[in-house]
Amino acid sequence: MSSRQAKLQFEVDCKVLLEIHANPETTQRHLSGKVGISLGAVNYCLAALVDKGLLKVQNFKKSKNKLGYIYTLTPKGIAKKTVMTKEFLKLKLAEYEALKIEIEVLKRMVAENS
């Protein structure tokens, strides 16, 4: 896996864990829209998080005819989410600083060409 792919997977995993922590009864379709990945990718991500012992999945009755899932972070998942959230914040702050510099450069270029 390339560095870029690893970074993207880290971001997806972090966003999924944060969303599940906030809303354990979320659906895969909701996660797909919230995280910005396909439904199949959400399914793959959830399976990987379960395999790593970070997430537990349980069935529950949503209505008479439908089963839903409750996603629960395991103690290991809660600890990992905390560490990942701190790292995710560092990444986003670094991206923000780089973007501010890029914007300033572009503003100067526009001002020089006007």
PDB file of N, CA and C in Angstrom:
ATOM      1  N   MET A   1       0.846  -1.177   0.000  1.00  0.00           N
ATOM      2  CA  MET A   1       0.000   0.000   0.000  1.00  0.00           C
ATOM      3  C   MET A   1       0.893   1.242   0.000  1.00  0.00           C
ATOM      4  N   SER A   2       0.578   2.167  -0.886  1.00  0.00           N
ATOM      5  CA  SER A   2       1.385   3.381  -0.977  1.00  0.00           C
ATOM      6  C   SER A   2       1.104   4.288   0.220  1.00  0.00           C
ATOM      7  N   SER A   3       1.979   5.258   0.393  1.00  0.00           N
ATOM      8  CA  SER A   3       1.832   6.211   1.491  1.00  0.00           C
ATOM      9  C   SER A   3       0.515   6.977   1.366  1.00  0.00           C
ATOM     10  N   ARG A   4       0.173   7.339   0.148  1.00  0.00           N
ATOM     11  CA  ARG A   4      -1.073   8.082  -0.086  1.00  0.00           C
ATOM     12  C   ARG A   4      -2.283   7.211   0.248  1.00  0.00           C
ATOM     13  N   GLN A   5      -2.238   5.944  -0.191  1.00  0.00           N
ATOM     14  CA  GLN A   5      -3.336   5.023   0.109  1.00  0.00           C
ATOM     15  C   GLN A   5      -3.462   4.799   1.611  1.00  0.00           C
ATOM     16  N   ALA A   6      -2.331   4.660   2.283  1.00  0.00           N
ATOM     17  CA  ALA A   6      -2.337   4.449   3.731  1.00  0.00           C
ATOM     18  C   ALA A   6      -2.940   5.657   4.444  1.00  0.00           C
ATOM     19  N   LYS A   7      -2.599   6.863   3.970  1.00  0.00           N
ATOM     20  CA  LYS A   7      -3.139   8.086   4.569  1.00  0.00           C
ATOM     21  C   LYS A   7      -4.653   8.155   4.367  1.00  0.00           C
ATOM     22  N   LEU A   8      -5.101   7.828   3.145  1.00  0.00           N
ATOM     23  CA  LEU A   8      -6.538   7.847   2.867  1.00  0.00           C
ATOM     24  C   LEU A   8      -7.271   6.817   3.718  1.00  0.00           C
ATOM     25  N   GLN A   9      -6.695   5.615   3.839  1.00  0.00           N
ATOM     26  CA  GLN A   9      -7.327   4.570   4.641  1.00  0.00           C
ATOM     27  C   GLN A   9      -7.384   4.986   6.107  1.00  0.00           C
ATOM     28  N   PHE A  10      -6.325   5.620   6.581  1.00  0.00           N
ATOM     29  CA  PHE A  10      -6.298   6.121   7.959  1.00  0.00           C
ATOM     30  C   PHE A  10      -7.432   7.124   8.173  1.00  0.00           C
ATOM     31  N   GLU A  11      -7.596   8.055   7.224  1.00  0.00           N
ATOM     32  CA  GLU A  11      -8.649   9.063   7.336  1.00  0.00           C
ATOM     33  C   GLU A  11     -10.026   8.425   7.332  1.00  0.00           C
ATOM     34  N   VAL A  12     -10.230   7.454   6.441  1.00  0.00           N
ATOM     35  CA  VAL A  12     -11.522   6.765   6.370  1.00  0.00           C
ATOM     36  C   VAL A  12     -11.799   6.039   7.683  1.00  0.00           C
ATOM     37  N   ASP A  13     -10.827   5.276   8.165  1.00  0.00           N
ATOM     38  CA  ASP A  13     -11.002   4.542   9.419  1.00  0.00           C
ATOM     39  C   ASP A  13     -11.331   5.495  10.563  1.00  0.00           C
ATOM     40  N   CYS A  14     -10.621   6.598  10.622  1.00  0.00           N
ATOM     41  CA  CYS A  14     -10.838   7.581  11.685  1.00  0.00           C
ATOM     42  C   CYS A  14     -12.248   8.170  11.596  1.00  0.00           C
ATOM     43  N   LYS A  15     -12.656   8.580  10.410  1.00  0.00           N
ATOM     44  CA  LYS A  15     -13.989   9.158  10.229  1.00  0.00           C
ATOM     45  C   LYS A  15     -15.082   8.151  10.575  1.00  0.00           C
ATOM     46  N   VAL A  16     -14.887   6.891  10.182  1.00  0.00           N
ATOM     47  CA  VAL A  16     -15.871   5.847  10.484  1.00  0.00           C
ATOM     48  C   VAL A  16     -15.963   5.632  11.992  1.00  0.00           C
ATOM     49  N   LEU A  17     -14.831   5.524  12.662  1.00  0.00           N
ATOM     50  CA  LEU A  17     -14.845   5.328  14.115  1.00  0.00           C
ATOM     51  C   LEU A  17     -15.497   6.511  14.832  1.00  0.00           C
ATOM     52  N   LEU A  18     -15.197   7.719  14.395  1.00  0.00           N
ATOM     53  CA  LEU A  18     -15.799   8.906  15.013  1.00  0.00           C
ATOM     54  C   LEU A  18     -17.312   8.925  14.814  1.00  0.00           C
ATOM     55  N   GLU A  19     -17.761   8.601  13.609  1.00  0.00           N
ATOM     56  CA  GLU A  19     -19.195   8.608  13.312  1.00  0.00           C
ATOM     57  C   GLU A  19     -19.920   7.515  14.090  1.00  0.00           C
ATOM     58  N   ILE A  20     -19.322   6.337  14.163  1.00  0.00           N
ATOM     59  CA  ILE A  20     -19.948   5.239  14.907  1.00  0.00           C
ATOM     60  C   ILE A  20     -19.991   5.566  16.401  1.00  0.00           C
ATOM     61  N   HIS A  21     -18.951   6.173  16.904  1.00  0.00           N
ATOM     62  CA  HIS A  21     -18.939   6.570  18.319  1.00  0.00           C
ATOM     63  C   HIS A  21     -20.084   7.548  18.599  1.00  0.00           C
ATOM     64  N   ALA A  22     -20.324   8.463  17.682  1.00  0.00           N
ATOM     65  CA  ALA A  22     -21.383   9.459  17.848  1.00  0.00           C
ATOM     66  C   ALA A  22     -22.771   8.868  17.615  1.00  0.00           C
ATOM     67  N   ASN A  23     -22.860   7.867  16.724  1.00  0.00           N
ATOM     68  CA  ASN A  23     -24.157   7.316  16.343  1.00  0.00           C
ATOM     69  C   ASN A  23     -24.037   5.814  16.082  1.00  0.00           C
ATOM     70  N   PRO A  24     -24.121   4.974  17.120  1.00  0.00           N
ATOM     71  CA  PRO A  24     -23.940   3.525  16.959  1.00  0.00           C
ATOM     72  C   PRO A  24     -24.976   2.853  16.054  1.00  0.00           C
ATOM     73  N   GLU A  25     -26.144   3.470  15.895  1.00  0.00           N
ATOM     74  CA  GLU A  25     -27.185   2.883  15.054  1.00  0.00           C
ATOM     75  C   GLU A  25     -27.120   3.393  13.620  1.00  0.00           C
ATOM     76  N   THR A  26     -26.032   4.024  13.244  1.00  0.00           N
ATOM     77  CA  THR A  26     -25.884   4.532  11.887  1.00  0.00           C
ATOM     78  C   THR A  26     -25.951   3.387  10.884  1.00  0.00           C
ATOM     79  N   THR A  27     -26.287   3.705   9.660  1.00  0.00           N
ATOM     80  CA  THR A  27     -26.334   2.683   8.614  1.00  0.00           C
ATOM     81  C   THR A  27     -25.090   2.786   7.739  1.00  0.00           C
ATOM     82  N   GLN A  28     -24.838   1.717   7.010  1.00  0.00           N
ATOM     83  CA  GLN A  28     -23.708   1.743   6.088  1.00  0.00           C
ATOM     84  C   GLN A  28     -23.934   2.802   5.011  1.00  0.00           C
ATOM     85  N   ARG A  29     -25.168   2.972   4.599  1.00  0.00           N
ATOM     86  CA  ARG A  29     -25.477   3.989   3.587  1.00  0.00           C
ATOM     87  C   ARG A  29     -25.181   5.393   4.124  1.00  0.00           C
ATOM     88  N   HIS A  30     -25.547   5.641   5.375  1.00  0.00           N
ATOM     89  CA  HIS A  30     -25.256   6.939   5.995  1.00  0.00           C
ATOM     90  C   HIS A  30     -23.742   7.150   6.098  1.00  0.00           C
ATOM     91  N   LEU A  31     -23.031   6.113   6.535  1.00  0.00           N
ATOM     92  CA  LEU A  31     -21.568   6.207   6.627  1.00  0.00           C
ATOM     93  C   LEU A  31     -20.963   6.503   5.263  1.00  0.00           C
ATOM     94  N   SER A  32     -21.503   5.868   4.238  1.00  0.00           N
ATOM     95  CA  SER A  32     -21.008   6.079   2.878  1.00  0.00           C
ATOM     96  C   SER A  32     -21.091   7.557   2.498  1.00  0.00           C
ATOM     97  N   GLY A  33     -22.241   8.166   2.747  1.00  0.00           N
ATOM     98  CA  GLY A  33     -22.415   9.581   2.435  1.00  0.00           C
ATOM     99  C   GLY A  33     -21.579  10.487   3.321  1.00  0.00           C
ATOM    100  N   LYS A  34     -21.515  10.173   4.590  1.00  0.00           N
ATOM    101  CA  LYS A  34     -20.797  11.003   5.559  1.00  0.00           C
ATOM    102  C   LYS A  34     -19.286  10.982   5.318  1.00  0.00           C
ATOM    103  N   VAL A  35     -18.758   9.793   5.001  1.00  0.00           N
ATOM    104  CA  VAL A  35     -17.314   9.634   4.826  1.00  0.00           C
ATOM    105  C   VAL A  35     -16.895   9.909   3.382  1.00  0.00           C
ATOM    106  N   GLY A  36     -17.847   9.771   2.445  1.00  0.00           N
ATOM    107  CA  GLY A  36     -17.540  10.050   1.042  1.00  0.00           C
ATOM    108  C   GLY A  36     -16.912   8.883   0.305  1.00  0.00           C
ATOM    109  N   ILE A  37     -17.315   7.666   0.677  1.00  0.00           N
ATOM    110  CA  ILE A  37     -16.823   6.469  -0.009  1.00  0.00           C
ATOM    111  C   ILE A  37     -18.013   5.605  -0.401  1.00  0.00           C
ATOM    112  N   SER A  38     -17.770   4.632  -1.259  1.00  0.00           N
ATOM    113  CA  SER A  38     -18.852   3.773  -1.731  1.00  0.00           C
ATOM    114  C   SER A  38     -19.372   2.881  -0.608  1.00  0.00           C
ATOM    115  N   LEU A  39     -20.564   2.358  -0.815  1.00  0.00           N
ATOM    116  CA  LEU A  39     -21.167   1.446   0.146  1.00  0.00           C
ATOM    117  C   LEU A  39     -20.305   0.197   0.319  1.00  0.00           C
ATOM    118  N   GLY A  40     -19.759  -0.309  -0.777  1.00  0.00           N
ATOM    119  CA  GLY A  40     -18.869  -1.469  -0.715  1.00  0.00           C
ATOM    120  C   GLY A  40     -17.613  -1.177   0.088  1.00  0.00           C
ATOM    121  N   ALA A  41     -17.084   0.028  -0.069  1.00  0.00           N
ATOM    122  CA  ALA A  41     -15.886   0.419   0.681  1.00  0.00           C
ATOM    123  C   ALA A  41     -16.195   0.527   2.174  1.00  0.00           C
ATOM    124  N   VAL A  42     -17.396   1.002   2.509  1.00  0.00           N
ATOM    125  CA  VAL A  42     -17.805   1.069   3.918  1.00  0.00           C
ATOM    126  C   VAL A  42     -17.871  -0.339   4.494  1.00  0.00           C
ATOM    127  N   ASN A  43     -18.478  -1.250   3.745  1.00  0.00           N
ATOM    128  CA  ASN A  43     -18.596  -2.635   4.195  1.00  0.00           C
ATOM    129  C   ASN A  43     -17.220  -3.233   4.441  1.00  0.00           C
ATOM    130  N   TYR A  44     -16.305  -3.003   3.510  1.00  0.00           N
ATOM    131  CA  TYR A  44     -14.928  -3.499   3.629  1.00  0.00           C
ATOM    132  C   TYR A  44     -14.243  -2.891   4.857  1.00  0.00           C
ATOM    133  N   CYS A  45     -14.416  -1.604   5.053  1.00  0.00           N
ATOM    134  CA  CYS A  45     -13.811  -0.893   6.183  1.00  0.00           C
ATOM    135  C   CYS A  45     -14.344  -1.436   7.507  1.00  0.00           C
ATOM    136  N   LEU A  46     -15.658  -1.604   7.598  1.00  0.00           N
ATOM    137  CA  LEU A  46     -16.253  -2.120   8.831  1.00  0.00           C
ATOM    138  C   LEU A  46     -15.747  -3.522   9.141  1.00  0.00           C
ATOM    139  N   ALA A  47     -15.662  -4.366   8.108  1.00  0.00           N
ATOM    140  CA  ALA A  47     -15.153  -5.729   8.302  1.00  0.00           C
ATOM    141  C   ALA A  47     -13.711  -5.699   8.811  1.00  0.00           C
ATOM    142  N   ALA A  48     -12.905  -4.797   8.262  1.00  0.00           N
ATOM    143  CA  ALA A  48     -11.503  -4.679   8.693  1.00  0.00           C
ATOM    144  C   ALA A  48     -11.421  -4.206  10.142  1.00  0.00           C
ATOM    145  N   LEU A  49     -12.275  -3.265  10.518  1.00  0.00           N
ATOM    146  CA  LEU A  49     -12.275  -2.764  11.894  1.00  0.00           C
ATOM    147  C   LEU A  49     -12.729  -3.848  12.874  1.00  0.00           C
ATOM    148  N   VAL A  50     -13.676  -4.678  12.446  1.00  0.00           N
ATOM    149  CA  VAL A  50     -14.105  -5.815  13.268  1.00  0.00           C
ATOM    150  C   VAL A  50     -12.955  -6.807  13.407  1.00  0.00           C
ATOM    151  N   ASP A  51     -12.284  -7.111  12.282  1.00  0.00           N
ATOM    152  CA  ASP A  51     -11.147  -8.049  12.301  1.00  0.00           C
ATOM    153  C   ASP A  51     -10.017  -7.569  13.213  1.00  0.00           C
ATOM    154  N   LYS A  52      -9.830  -6.253  13.284  1.00  0.00           N
ATOM    155  CA  LYS A  52      -8.776  -5.684  14.137  1.00  0.00           C
ATOM    156  C   LYS A  52      -9.193  -5.630  15.610  1.00  0.00           C
ATOM    157  N   GLY A  53     -10.452  -5.973  15.881  1.00  0.00           N
ATOM    158  CA  GLY A  53     -10.939  -5.955  17.259  1.00  0.00           C
ATOM    159  C   GLY A  53     -11.330  -4.578  17.754  1.00  0.00           C
ATOM    160  N   LEU A  54     -11.535  -3.638  16.832  1.00  0.00           N
ATOM    161  CA  LEU A  54     -11.878  -2.269  17.218  1.00  0.00           C
ATOM    162  C   LEU A  54     -13.381  -2.033  17.280  1.00  0.00           C
ATOM    163  N   LEU A  55     -14.133  -2.930  16.644  1.00  0.00           N
ATOM    164  CA  LEU A  55     -15.564  -2.724  16.467  1.00  0.00           C
ATOM    165  C   LEU A  55     -16.293  -4.039  16.673  1.00  0.00           C
ATOM    166  N   LYS A  56     -17.482  -3.937  17.264  1.00  0.00           N
ATOM    167  CA  LYS A  56     -18.348  -5.093  17.436  1.00  0.00           C
ATOM    168  C   LYS A  56     -19.666  -4.756  16.746  1.00  0.00           C
ATOM    169  N   VAL A  57     -20.253  -5.744  16.051  1.00  0.00           N
ATOM    170  CA  VAL A  57     -21.497  -5.522  15.322  1.00  0.00           C
ATOM    171  C   VAL A  57     -22.563  -6.437  15.908  1.00  0.00           C
ATOM    172  N   GLN A  58     -23.731  -5.858  16.190  1.00  0.00           N
ATOM    173  CA  GLN A  58     -24.848  -6.641  16.711  1.00  0.00           C
ATOM    174  C   GLN A  58     -26.096  -6.327  15.905  1.00  0.00           C
ATOM    175  N   ASN A  59     -26.941  -7.345  15.714  1.00  0.00           N
ATOM    176  CA  ASN A  59     -28.230  -7.150  15.048  1.00  0.00           C
ATOM    177  C   ASN A  59     -29.243  -6.585  16.035  1.00  0.00           C
ATOM    178  N   PHE A  60     -30.173  -5.798  15.499  1.00  0.00           N
ATOM    179  CA  PHE A  60     -31.319  -5.387  16.304  1.00  0.00           C
ATOM    180  C   PHE A  60     -32.498  -5.194  15.364  1.00  0.00           C
ATOM    181  N   LYS A  61     -33.702  -5.255  15.896  1.00  0.00           N
ATOM    182  CA  LYS A  61     -34.912  -5.096  15.086  1.00  0.00           C
ATOM    183  C   LYS A  61     -35.221  -3.616  14.927  1.00  0.00           C
ATOM    184  N   LYS A  62     -35.174  -3.162  13.669  1.00  0.00           N
ATOM    185  CA  LYS A  62     -35.525  -1.764  13.393  1.00  0.00           C
ATOM    186  C   LYS A  62     -37.039  -1.612  13.292  1.00  0.00           C
ATOM    187  N   SER A  63     -37.654  -2.578  12.637  1.00  0.00           N
ATOM    188  CA  SER A  63     -39.105  -2.598  12.497  1.00  0.00           C
ATOM    189  C   SER A  63     -39.519  -4.065  12.456  1.00  0.00           C
ATOM    190  N   LYS A  64     -40.776  -4.337  12.186  1.00  0.00           N
ATOM    191  CA  LYS A  64     -41.252  -5.725  12.180  1.00  0.00           C
ATOM    192  C   LYS A  64     -40.494  -6.603  11.189  1.00  0.00           C
ATOM    193  N   ASN A  65     -40.169  -6.055  10.039  1.00  0.00           N
ATOM    194  CA  ASN A  65     -39.579  -6.866   8.977  1.00  0.00           C
ATOM    195  C   ASN A  65     -38.099  -6.619   8.720  1.00  0.00           C
ATOM    196  N   LYS A  66     -37.529  -5.654   9.374  1.00  0.00           N
ATOM    197  CA  LYS A  66     -36.143  -5.290   9.056  1.00  0.00           C
ATOM    198  C   LYS A  66     -35.223  -5.451  10.253  1.00  0.00           C
ATOM    199  N   LEU A  67     -34.048  -5.973   9.953  1.00  0.00           N
ATOM    200  CA  LEU A  67     -32.985  -6.020  10.950  1.00  0.00           C
ATOM    201  C   LEU A  67     -32.005  -4.900  10.653  1.00  0.00           C
ATOM    202  N   GLY A  68     -31.504  -4.309  11.665  1.00  0.00           N
ATOM    203  CA  GLY A  68     -30.459  -3.303  11.515  1.00  0.00           C
ATOM    204  C   GLY A  68     -29.256  -3.744  12.312  1.00  0.00           C
ATOM    205  N   TYR A  69     -28.268  -2.906  12.343  1.00  0.00           N
ATOM    206  CA  TYR A  69     -27.056  -3.217  13.086  1.00  0.00           C
ATOM    207  C   TYR A  69     -26.752  -2.106  14.070  1.00  0.00           C
ATOM    208  N   ILE A  70     -26.193  -2.497  15.185  1.00  0.00           N
ATOM    209  CA  ILE A  70     -25.627  -1.535  16.127  1.00  0.00           C
ATOM    210  C   ILE A  70     -24.128  -1.773  16.104  1.00  0.00           C
ATOM    211  N   TYR A  71     -23.393  -0.721  15.849  1.00  0.00           N
ATOM    212  CA  TYR A  71     -21.934  -0.794  15.821  1.00  0.00           C
ATOM    213  C   TYR A  71     -21.420  -0.241  17.144  1.00  0.00           C
ATOM    214  N   THR A  72     -20.622  -1.026  17.830  1.00  0.00           N
ATOM    215  CA  THR A  72     -20.095  -0.628  19.131  1.00  0.00           C
ATOM    216  C   THR A  72     -18.578  -0.664  19.105  1.00  0.00           C
ATOM    217  N   LEU A  73     -17.973   0.413  19.554  1.00  0.00           N
ATOM    218  CA  LEU A  73     -16.515   0.407  19.684  1.00  0.00           C
ATOM    219  C   LEU A  73     -16.140  -0.456  20.884  1.00  0.00           C
ATOM    220  N   THR A  74     -15.182  -1.321  20.695  1.00  0.00           N
ATOM    221  CA  THR A  74     -14.666  -2.133  21.791  1.00  0.00           C
ATOM    222  C   THR A  74     -13.759  -1.246  22.649  1.00  0.00           C
ATOM    223  N   PRO A  75     -13.373  -1.696  23.830  1.00  0.00           N
ATOM    224  CA  PRO A  75     -12.409  -0.902  24.612  1.00  0.00           C
ATOM    225  C   PRO A  75     -11.138  -0.603  23.804  1.00  0.00           C
ATOM    226  N   LYS A  76     -10.681  -1.594  23.047  1.00  0.00           N
ATOM    227  CA  LYS A  76      -9.518  -1.386  22.175  1.00  0.00           C
ATOM    228  C   LYS A  76      -9.843  -0.339  21.106  1.00  0.00           C
ATOM    229  N   GLY A  77     -11.076  -0.378  20.592  1.00  0.00           N
ATOM    230  CA  GLY A  77     -11.514   0.584  19.580  1.00  0.00           C
ATOM    231  C   GLY A  77     -11.588   2.001  20.118  1.00  0.00           C
ATOM    232  N   ILE A  78     -12.042   2.136  21.353  1.00  0.00           N
ATOM    233  CA  ILE A  78     -12.124   3.463  21.977  1.00  0.00           C
ATOM    234  C   ILE A  78     -10.724   4.045  22.158  1.00  0.00           C
ATOM    235  N   ALA A  79      -9.809   3.209  22.626  1.00  0.00           N
ATOM    236  CA  ALA A  79      -8.421   3.673  22.809  1.00  0.00           C
ATOM    237  C   ALA A  79      -7.803   4.055  21.470  1.00  0.00           C
ATOM    238  N   LYS A  80      -8.028   3.227  20.452  1.00  0.00           N
ATOM    239  CA  LYS A  80      -7.473   3.489  19.118  1.00  0.00           C
ATOM    240  C   LYS A  80      -8.087   4.751  18.523  1.00  0.00           C
ATOM    241  N   LYS A  81      -9.397   4.949  18.724  1.00  0.00           N
ATOM    242  CA  LYS A  81     -10.070   6.143  18.205  1.00  0.00           C
ATOM    243  C   LYS A  81      -9.450   7.402  18.803  1.00  0.00           C
ATOM    244  N   THR A  82      -9.138   7.361  20.080  1.00  0.00           N
ATOM    245  CA  THR A  82      -8.534   8.516  20.748  1.00  0.00           C
ATOM    246  C   THR A  82      -7.177   8.848  20.133  1.00  0.00           C
ATOM    247  N   VAL A  83      -6.353   7.830  19.955  1.00  0.00           N
ATOM    248  CA  VAL A  83      -5.024   8.026  19.351  1.00  0.00           C
ATOM    249  C   VAL A  83      -5.164   8.515  17.911  1.00  0.00           C
ATOM    250  N   MET A  84      -6.073   7.873  17.151  1.00  0.00           N
ATOM    251  CA  MET A  84      -6.262   8.244  15.745  1.00  0.00           C
ATOM    252  C   MET A  84      -6.798   9.664  15.615  1.00  0.00           C
ATOM    253  N   THR A  85      -7.677  10.068  16.515  1.00  0.00           N
ATOM    254  CA  THR A  85      -8.249  11.414  16.453  1.00  0.00           C
ATOM    255  C   THR A  85      -7.167  12.468  16.640  1.00  0.00           C
ATOM    256  N   LYS A  86      -6.266  12.231  17.571  1.00  0.00           N
ATOM    257  CA  LYS A  86      -5.154  13.169  17.778  1.00  0.00           C
ATOM    258  C   LYS A  86      -4.281  13.256  16.527  1.00  0.00           C
ATOM    259  N   GLU A  87      -3.973  12.107  15.934  1.00  0.00           N
ATOM    260  CA  GLU A  87      -3.148  12.078  14.721  1.00  0.00           C
ATOM    261  C   GLU A  87      -3.883  12.728  13.546  1.00  0.00           C
ATOM    262  N   PHE A  88      -5.188  12.472  13.443  1.00  0.00           N
ATOM    263  CA  PHE A  88      -6.013  13.047  12.383  1.00  0.00           C
ATOM    264  C   PHE A  88      -6.021  14.568  12.492  1.00  0.00           C
ATOM    265  N   LEU A  89      -6.131  15.068  13.715  1.00  0.00           N
ATOM    266  CA  LEU A  89      -6.095  16.515  13.938  1.00  0.00           C
ATOM    267  C   LEU A  89      -4.762  17.099  13.486  1.00  0.00           C
ATOM    268  N   LYS A  90      -3.666  16.435  13.813  1.00  0.00           N
ATOM    269  CA  LYS A  90      -2.339  16.899  13.372  1.00  0.00           C
ATOM    270  C   LYS A  90      -2.266  16.962  11.847  1.00  0.00           C
ATOM    271  N   LEU A  91      -2.761  15.914  11.185  1.00  0.00           N
ATOM    272  CA  LEU A  91      -2.747  15.887   9.716  1.00  0.00           C
ATOM    273  C   LEU A  91      -3.554  17.039   9.138  1.00  0.00           C
ATOM    274  N   LYS A  92      -4.746  17.258   9.671  1.00  0.00           N
ATOM    275  CA  LYS A  92      -5.616  18.310   9.145  1.00  0.00           C
ATOM    276  C   LYS A  92      -5.035  19.700   9.408  1.00  0.00           C
ATOM    277  N   LEU A  93      -4.407  19.889  10.558  1.00  0.00           N
ATOM    278  CA  LEU A  93      -3.768  21.182  10.836  1.00  0.00           C
ATOM    279  C   LEU A  93      -2.601  21.433   9.884  1.00  0.00           C
ATOM    280  N   ALA A  94      -1.836  20.390   9.581  1.00  0.00           N
ATOM    281  CA  ALA A  94      -0.727  20.529   8.628  1.00  0.00           C
ATOM    282  C   ALA A  94      -1.267  20.859   7.239  1.00  0.00           C
ATOM    283  N   GLU A  95      -2.354  20.187   6.838  1.00  0.00           N
ATOM    284  CA  GLU A  95      -2.979  20.484   5.542  1.00  0.00           C
ATOM    285  C   GLU A  95      -3.487  21.922   5.515  1.00  0.00           C
ATOM    286  N   TYR A  96      -4.069  22.373   6.612  1.00  0.00           N
ATOM    287  CA  TYR A  96      -4.593  23.727   6.718  1.00  0.00           C
ATOM    288  C   TYR A  96      -3.476  24.758   6.563  1.00  0.00           C
ATOM    289  N   GLU A  97      -2.360  24.529   7.240  1.00  0.00           N
ATOM    290  CA  GLU A  97      -1.226  25.453   7.148  1.00  0.00           C
ATOM    291  C   GLU A  97      -0.675  25.494   5.721  1.00  0.00           C
ATOM    292  N   ALA A  98      -0.565  24.329   5.083  1.00  0.00           N
ATOM    293  CA  ALA A  98      -0.076  24.272   3.699  1.00  0.00           C
ATOM    294  C   ALA A  98      -1.041  24.993   2.763  1.00  0.00           C
ATOM    295  N   LEU A  99      -2.327  24.841   3.003  1.00  0.00           N
ATOM    296  CA  LEU A  99      -3.331  25.498   2.176  1.00  0.00           C
ATOM    297  C   LEU A  99      -3.296  27.013   2.357  1.00  0.00           C
ATOM    298  N   LYS A 100      -3.082  27.482   3.579  1.00  0.00           N
ATOM    299  CA  LYS A 100      -2.969  28.927   3.815  1.00  0.00           C
ATOM    300  C   LYS A 100      -1.798  29.510   3.029  1.00  0.00           C
ATOM    301  N   ILE A 101      -0.676  28.809   3.017  1.00  0.00           N
ATOM    302  CA  ILE A 101       0.502  29.268   2.265  1.00  0.00           C
ATOM    303  C   ILE A 101       0.193  29.295   0.775  1.00  0.00           C
ATOM    304  N   GLU A 102      -0.445  28.240   0.288  1.00  0.00           N
ATOM    305  CA  GLU A 102      -0.789  28.167  -1.139  1.00  0.00           C
ATOM    306  C   GLU A 102      -1.737  29.302  -1.527  1.00  0.00           C
ATOM    307  N   ILE A 103      -2.688  29.611  -0.681  1.00  0.00           N
ATOM    308  CA  ILE A 103      -3.631  30.698  -0.949  1.00  0.00           C
ATOM    309  C   ILE A 103      -2.904  32.036  -1.009  1.00  0.00           C
ATOM    310  N   GLU A 104      -1.986  32.271  -0.104  1.00  0.00           N
ATOM    311  CA  GLU A 104      -1.217  33.520  -0.108  1.00  0.00           C
ATOM    312  C   GLU A 104      -0.394  33.659  -1.388  1.00  0.00           C
ATOM    313  N   VAL A 105       0.220  32.570  -1.830  1.00  0.00           N
ATOM    314  CA  VAL A 105       1.001  32.586  -3.075  1.00  0.00           C
ATOM    315  C   VAL A 105       0.089  32.924  -4.248  1.00  0.00           C
ATOM    316  N   LEU A 106      -1.078  32.296  -4.302  1.00  0.00           N
ATOM    317  CA  LEU A 106      -2.019  32.559  -5.392  1.00  0.00           C
ATOM    318  C   LEU A 106      -2.531  33.998  -5.352  1.00  0.00           C
ATOM    319  N   LYS A 107      -2.793  34.519  -4.168  1.00  0.00           N
ATOM    320  CA  LYS A 107      -3.241  35.913  -4.047  1.00  0.00           C
ATOM    321  C   LYS A 107      -2.183  36.863  -4.593  1.00  0.00           C
ATOM    322  N   ARG A 108      -0.909  36.595  -4.253  1.00  0.00           N
ATOM    323  CA  ARG A 108       0.179  37.441  -4.757  1.00  0.00           C
ATOM    324  C   ARG A 108       0.271  37.355  -6.280  1.00  0.00           C
ATOM    325  N   MET A 109       0.124  36.159  -6.823  1.00  0.00           N
ATOM    326  CA  MET A 109       0.196  35.982  -8.279  1.00  0.00           C
ATOM    327  C   MET A 109      -0.917  36.758  -8.970  1.00  0.00           C
ATOM    328  N   VAL A 110      -2.124  36.699  -8.408  1.00  0.00           N
ATOM    329  CA  VAL A 110      -3.261  37.420  -8.983  1.00  0.00           C
ATOM    330  C   VAL A 110      -3.023  38.921  -8.888  1.00  0.00           C
ATOM    331  N   ALA A 111      -2.526  39.388  -7.759  1.00  0.00           N
ATOM    332  CA  ALA A 111      -2.260  40.817  -7.570  1.00  0.00           C
ATOM    333  C   ALA A 111      -1.193  41.311  -8.541  1.00  0.00           C
ATOM    334  N   GLU A 112      -0.174  40.492  -8.781  1.00  0.00           N
ATOM    335  CA  GLU A 112       0.897  40.877  -9.701  1.00  0.00           C
ATOM    336  C   GLU A 112       0.415  40.921 -11.147  1.00  0.00           C
ATOM    337  N   ASN A 113      -0.546  40.082 -11.481  1.00  0.00           N
ATOM    338  CA  ASN A 113      -1.035  40.004 -12.860  1.00  0.00           C
ATOM    339  C   ASN A 113      -2.218  40.930 -13.117  1.00  0.00           C
ATOM    340  N   SER A 114      -2.668  41.658 -12.111  1.00  0.00           N
ATOM    341  CA  SER A 114      -3.829  42.546 -12.285  1.00  0.00           C
ATOM    342  C   SER A 114      -3.406  43.932 -12.664  1.00  0.00           C
TER     343      SER A 114
END
